[in-house]
Amino acid sequence: MASYLLSEVAKEDLIRIHRFGMERFGETQADKYINTIFEKFKGLLSIVSAGEGMSVVGW
């Protein structure tokens, strides 16, 4: 299965997003939002993984 690696800048952005969410909407909502982002990462990986082992036709 494919995996992802976040840059340090991306990690810092996610921390800032979570911190903002906690200040603005509370811990529960901030956690839900960040968890949703990571679920989207997993969804993107499943799309990438679906194409593993397939040959490219017409290129």
N, C-alpha and C. Protein backbone atom coordinates (compact mmCIF):
# COMPACT_ATOMS: atom_id res chain seq x y z
N MET A 1 0.84 -1.18 0.00
CA MET A 1 0.00 0.00 0.00
C MET A 1 0.88 1.25 0.00
N ALA A 2 0.43 2.26 -0.67
CA ALA A 2 1.15 3.53 -0.73
C ALA A 2 1.12 4.22 0.64
N SER A 3 2.08 5.09 0.83
CA SER A 3 2.11 5.88 2.07
C SER A 3 2.44 7.33 1.71
N TYR A 4 2.32 8.20 2.68
CA TYR A 4 2.63 9.60 2.43
C TYR A 4 3.58 10.10 3.51
N LEU A 5 4.29 11.14 3.16
CA LEU A 5 5.22 11.78 4.08
C LEU A 5 4.94 13.27 4.04
N LEU A 6 4.62 13.84 5.18
CA LEU A 6 4.34 15.26 5.24
C LEU A 6 5.64 16.04 5.44
N SER A 7 5.77 17.13 4.75
CA SER A 7 6.91 18.01 4.97
C SER A 7 6.76 18.68 6.34
N GLU A 8 7.85 19.22 6.84
CA GLU A 8 7.79 19.92 8.12
C GLU A 8 6.83 21.12 8.04
N VAL A 9 6.82 21.79 6.89
CA VAL A 9 5.92 22.94 6.71
C VAL A 9 4.47 22.47 6.77
N ALA A 10 4.17 21.35 6.13
CA ALA A 10 2.80 20.83 6.16
C ALA A 10 2.39 20.44 7.57
N LYS A 11 3.32 19.81 8.31
CA LYS A 11 3.03 19.45 9.70
C LYS A 11 2.72 20.70 10.53
N GLU A 12 3.54 21.72 10.35
CA GLU A 12 3.32 22.98 11.08
C GLU A 12 1.98 23.60 10.71
N ASP A 13 1.62 23.53 9.43
CA ASP A 13 0.32 24.05 9.00
C ASP A 13 -0.82 23.30 9.68
N LEU A 14 -0.72 21.98 9.74
CA LEU A 14 -1.77 21.18 10.38
C LEU A 14 -1.87 21.49 11.87
N ILE A 15 -0.74 21.71 12.50
CA ILE A 15 -0.76 22.09 13.92
C ILE A 15 -1.45 23.43 14.09
N ARG A 16 -1.13 24.39 13.20
CA ARG A 16 -1.78 25.71 13.29
C ARG A 16 -3.28 25.61 13.02
N ILE A 17 -3.66 24.79 12.06
CA ILE A 17 -5.08 24.59 11.76
C ILE A 17 -5.79 24.03 12.99
N HIS A 18 -5.19 23.04 13.61
CA HIS A 18 -5.80 22.43 14.79
C HIS A 18 -5.89 23.44 15.93
N ARG A 19 -4.83 24.18 16.15
CA ARG A 19 -4.82 25.18 17.22
C ARG A 19 -5.91 26.23 16.99
N PHE A 20 -6.02 26.70 15.75
CA PHE A 20 -7.07 27.67 15.41
C PHE A 20 -8.45 27.08 15.69
N GLY A 21 -8.65 25.84 15.26
CA GLY A 21 -9.93 25.18 15.47
C GLY A 21 -10.27 25.05 16.94
N MET A 22 -9.26 24.74 17.76
CA MET A 22 -9.50 24.63 19.20
C MET A 22 -9.92 25.97 19.79
N GLU A 23 -9.23 27.02 19.38
CA GLU A 23 -9.55 28.36 19.91
C GLU A 23 -10.92 28.83 19.45
N ARG A 24 -11.24 28.53 18.22
CA ARG A 24 -12.47 29.06 17.62
C ARG A 24 -13.70 28.19 17.88
N PHE A 25 -13.51 26.85 17.82
CA PHE A 25 -14.67 25.94 17.85
C PHE A 25 -14.63 24.91 18.97
N GLY A 26 -13.51 24.82 19.69
CA GLY A 26 -13.39 23.85 20.76
C GLY A 26 -12.63 22.61 20.32
N GLU A 27 -12.15 21.88 21.32
CA GLU A 27 -11.29 20.72 21.07
C GLU A 27 -11.99 19.62 20.27
N THR A 28 -13.22 19.32 20.62
CA THR A 28 -13.94 18.23 19.93
C THR A 28 -14.06 18.51 18.43
N GLN A 29 -14.47 19.70 18.08
CA GLN A 29 -14.64 20.04 16.66
C GLN A 29 -13.30 20.11 15.95
N ALA A 30 -12.27 20.65 16.62
CA ALA A 30 -10.93 20.73 16.02
C ALA A 30 -10.40 19.33 15.74
N ASP A 31 -10.60 18.42 16.68
CA ASP A 31 -10.16 17.03 16.48
C ASP A 31 -10.90 16.39 15.32
N LYS A 32 -12.21 16.61 15.24
CA LYS A 32 -12.99 16.05 14.12
C LYS A 32 -12.46 16.56 12.78
N TYR A 33 -12.16 17.86 12.72
CA TYR A 33 -11.70 18.46 11.47
C TYR A 33 -10.34 17.89 11.05
N ILE A 34 -9.40 17.81 11.98
CA ILE A 34 -8.08 17.27 11.67
C ILE A 34 -8.19 15.80 11.29
N ASN A 35 -9.00 15.05 12.01
CA ASN A 35 -9.19 13.64 11.67
C ASN A 35 -9.78 13.48 10.28
N THR A 36 -10.66 14.37 9.89
CA THR A 36 -11.24 14.34 8.55
C THR A 36 -10.15 14.58 7.50
N ILE A 37 -9.24 15.51 7.78
CA ILE A 37 -8.14 15.76 6.84
C ILE A 37 -7.31 14.49 6.66
N PHE A 38 -6.98 13.81 7.76
CA PHE A 38 -6.18 12.60 7.65
C PHE A 38 -6.95 11.47 6.96
N GLU A 39 -8.25 11.42 7.16
CA GLU A 39 -9.06 10.43 6.42
C GLU A 39 -9.02 10.71 4.92
N LYS A 40 -9.02 11.98 4.55
CA LYS A 40 -8.91 12.34 3.13
C LYS A 40 -7.56 11.91 2.57
N PHE A 41 -6.50 12.06 3.36
CA PHE A 41 -5.18 11.57 2.93
C PHE A 41 -5.25 10.08 2.64
N LYS A 42 -5.88 9.33 3.55
CA LYS A 42 -6.02 7.88 3.36
C LYS A 42 -6.83 7.57 2.10
N GLY A 43 -7.87 8.36 1.86
CA GLY A 43 -8.67 8.16 0.65
C GLY A 43 -7.87 8.38 -0.61
N LEU A 44 -7.03 9.40 -0.60
CA LEU A 44 -6.16 9.64 -1.75
C LEU A 44 -5.19 8.49 -1.95
N LEU A 45 -4.68 7.94 -0.86
CA LEU A 45 -3.77 6.80 -0.96
C LEU A 45 -4.46 5.58 -1.56
N SER A 46 -5.72 5.38 -1.23
CA SER A 46 -6.43 4.23 -1.78
C SER A 46 -6.60 4.37 -3.28
N ILE A 47 -6.75 5.59 -3.75
CA ILE A 47 -6.85 5.82 -5.19
C ILE A 47 -5.52 5.51 -5.86
N VAL A 48 -4.43 5.96 -5.25
CA VAL A 48 -3.09 5.69 -5.79
C VAL A 48 -2.83 4.19 -5.77
N SER A 49 -3.17 3.54 -4.67
CA SER A 49 -2.94 2.10 -4.54
C SER A 49 -3.75 1.30 -5.55
N ALA A 50 -4.91 1.79 -5.93
CA ALA A 50 -5.76 1.08 -6.88
C ALA A 50 -5.07 0.92 -8.23
N GLY A 51 -4.18 1.84 -8.55
CA GLY A 51 -3.49 1.79 -9.83
C GLY A 51 -2.19 1.03 -9.81
N GLU A 52 -1.75 0.58 -8.65
CA GLU A 52 -0.49 -0.16 -8.57
C GLU A 52 -0.57 -1.45 -9.37
N GLY A 53 0.47 -1.72 -10.11
CA GLY A 53 0.54 -2.95 -10.88
C GLY A 53 -0.15 -2.88 -12.22
N MET A 54 -0.77 -1.78 -12.53
CA MET A 54 -1.45 -1.63 -13.82
C MET A 54 -0.48 -1.06 -14.83
N SER A 55 -0.57 -1.53 -16.05
CA SER A 55 0.26 -0.95 -17.10
C SER A 55 -0.46 0.25 -17.70
N VAL A 56 0.30 1.14 -18.22
CA VAL A 56 -0.26 2.34 -18.85
C VAL A 56 -0.50 2.03 -20.32
N VAL A 57 -1.70 2.30 -20.79
CA VAL A 57 -2.07 2.02 -22.16
C VAL A 57 -2.15 3.34 -22.93
N GLY A 58 -1.54 3.38 -24.09
CA GLY A 58 -1.68 4.52 -24.95
C GLY A 58 -0.68 5.64 -24.69
N TRP A 59 0.32 5.40 -23.90
CA TRP A 59 1.31 6.45 -23.64
C TRP A 59 2.56 6.19 -24.40
